[in-house]
Amino acid sequence: VQLVASGGGLVQPGGSLTLSCVASGRNLSALLMAWYRQQPGKKREVVARIEPRGRTEYNDFVQGRFTISRDNAKNTVYLQMNSLKFDDTAEYYCYALNVLTYGHYWGQGIQVTVSS
């Protein structure tokens, strides 16, 4: 499985940004997809995850601001981020876990910078 993420960039506080991650390969319908982020000097942390059948979970810091979704026909997972804060500045990573084989995969990091 290959993951290609896009959509990062610079945004002002309070703004919005949508990240996309396209998966290619086999058994994509068996993939749990997630977004992680890593801030300088900190460990990588999960932002949100979505199971193959659509159940979602969010880290507490999201506080209703982000929405993870998936379009299985397009093999794509999205992270809609609203009300962005300075503290959301990080490198964001797309992640996939095959729930049948437990193989796991990372996409390349993309930078999200929240700055005025």
Protein backbone atom coordinates (compact mmCIF):
# COMPACT_ATOMS: atom_id res chain seq x y z
CA VAL A 1 0.00 0.00 0.00
CA GLN A 2 1.26 3.42 -0.93
CA LEU A 3 -0.09 6.58 0.66
CA VAL A 4 0.26 10.01 -0.89
CA ALA A 5 -0.84 12.97 1.19
CA SER A 6 -1.55 16.49 0.04
CA GLY A 7 -3.21 19.69 1.11
CA GLY A 8 -0.86 21.16 3.67
CA GLY A 9 0.20 24.76 3.76
CA LEU A 10 0.06 28.04 5.59
CA VAL A 11 -3.18 29.23 7.13
CA GLN A 12 -4.15 31.98 9.54
CA PRO A 13 -5.55 31.21 12.99
CA GLY A 14 -9.23 30.45 12.76
CA GLY A 15 -8.86 29.31 9.18
CA SER A 16 -9.54 25.97 7.55
CA LEU A 17 -7.55 23.42 5.64
CA THR A 18 -8.33 20.02 4.17
CA LEU A 19 -5.76 17.27 3.97
CA SER A 20 -6.15 14.40 1.53
CA CYS A 21 -4.48 11.01 1.39
CA VAL A 22 -4.80 8.70 -1.57
CA ALA A 23 -4.11 5.02 -1.04
CA SER A 24 -3.06 2.64 -3.76
CA GLY A 25 -2.45 -1.08 -3.64
CA ARG A 26 -4.37 -4.15 -2.57
CA ASN A 27 -7.10 -4.75 0.01
CA LEU A 28 -7.84 -1.06 0.43
CA SER A 29 -11.30 -1.83 1.80
CA ALA A 30 -9.63 -3.48 4.80
CA LEU A 31 -7.72 -0.36 5.76
CA LEU A 32 -8.20 1.56 8.94
CA MET A 33 -7.00 5.06 8.05
CA ALA A 34 -5.70 7.72 10.36
CA TRP A 35 -4.00 11.06 10.53
CA TYR A 36 -1.11 11.65 12.91
CA ARG A 37 0.87 14.77 13.57
CA GLN A 38 4.26 15.56 15.00
CA GLN A 39 5.28 18.90 16.42
CA PRO A 40 8.92 19.87 16.83
CA GLY A 41 10.46 18.14 19.82
CA LYS A 42 7.36 16.08 20.50
CA LYS A 43 6.25 12.54 19.80
CA ARG A 44 4.00 11.71 16.91
CA GLU A 45 0.38 11.62 18.05
CA VAL A 46 -2.85 10.45 16.52
CA VAL A 47 -5.24 13.15 15.38
CA ALA A 48 -8.14 11.07 14.11
CA ARG A 49 -8.88 7.64 12.77
CA ILE A 50 -11.59 6.07 10.67
CA GLU A 51 -12.31 2.37 10.54
CA PRO A 52 -13.08 0.47 7.32
CA ARG A 53 -16.82 0.77 7.95
CA GLY A 54 -16.66 4.45 8.84
CA ARG A 55 -16.53 4.58 12.63
CA THR A 56 -14.41 7.54 13.70
CA GLU A 57 -12.40 8.55 16.74
CA TYR A 58 -10.63 11.79 17.56
CA ASN A 59 -7.94 12.88 19.92
CA ASP A 60 -9.23 15.12 22.68
CA PHE A 61 -7.39 18.18 21.41
CA VAL A 62 -9.52 18.16 18.26
CA GLN A 63 -12.49 19.40 20.30
CA GLY A 64 -14.94 19.12 17.41
CA ARG A 65 -12.83 21.18 15.03
CA PHE A 66 -11.69 18.42 12.69
CA THR A 67 -13.58 15.84 10.66
CA ILE A 68 -12.07 12.70 9.21
CA SER A 69 -13.86 11.04 6.32
CA ARG A 70 -13.19 8.53 3.59
CA ASP A 71 -14.29 8.01 0.04
CA ASN A 72 -13.75 4.34 -0.67
CA ALA A 73 -14.53 4.77 -4.36
CA LYS A 74 -11.61 7.18 -4.60
CA ASN A 75 -9.43 5.34 -2.08
CA THR A 76 -9.04 8.65 -0.30
CA VAL A 77 -9.23 9.78 3.29
CA TYR A 78 -9.70 13.42 4.22
CA LEU A 79 -9.08 15.53 7.26
CA GLN A 80 -11.13 18.69 7.29
CA MET A 81 -9.61 21.07 9.81
CA ASN A 82 -11.54 24.12 10.96
CA SER A 83 -10.85 26.79 13.58
CA LEU A 84 -7.15 26.13 13.33
CA LYS A 85 -4.94 27.25 16.18
CA PHE A 86 -1.25 28.10 16.41
CA ASP A 87 -0.80 24.84 18.27
CA ASP A 88 -2.04 22.84 15.29
CA THR A 89 1.19 23.65 13.51
CA ALA A 90 2.85 20.31 12.82
CA GLU A 91 3.93 17.79 10.26
CA TYR A 92 0.86 15.69 9.45
CA TYR A 93 1.08 12.07 8.39
CA CYS A 94 -1.40 9.72 6.79
CA TYR A 95 -1.41 6.20 8.23
CA ALA A 96 -3.08 2.97 7.19
CA LEU A 97 -3.52 -0.32 9.02
CA ASN A 98 -4.76 -3.42 7.25
CA VAL A 99 -7.14 -4.90 9.80
CA LEU A 100 -6.79 -8.36 8.25
CA THR A 101 -3.02 -8.64 7.94
CA TYR A 102 -1.95 -5.96 10.45
CA GLY A 103 0.39 -4.52 7.88
CA HIS A 104 0.78 -0.81 8.45
CA TYR A 105 1.89 2.01 6.22
CA TRP A 106 2.85 5.67 6.43
CA GLY A 107 2.52 8.42 3.92
CA GLN A 108 4.98 11.25 3.60
CA GLY A 109 4.61 14.07 6.06
CA ILE A 110 3.04 17.31 4.98
CA GLN A 111 3.52 20.58 6.80
CA VAL A 112 0.64 22.54 8.23
CA THR A 113 1.59 25.95 9.58
CA VAL A 114 -0.88 28.14 11.43
CA SER A 115 0.46 31.66 11.58
CA SER A 116 -0.72 35.22 11.34
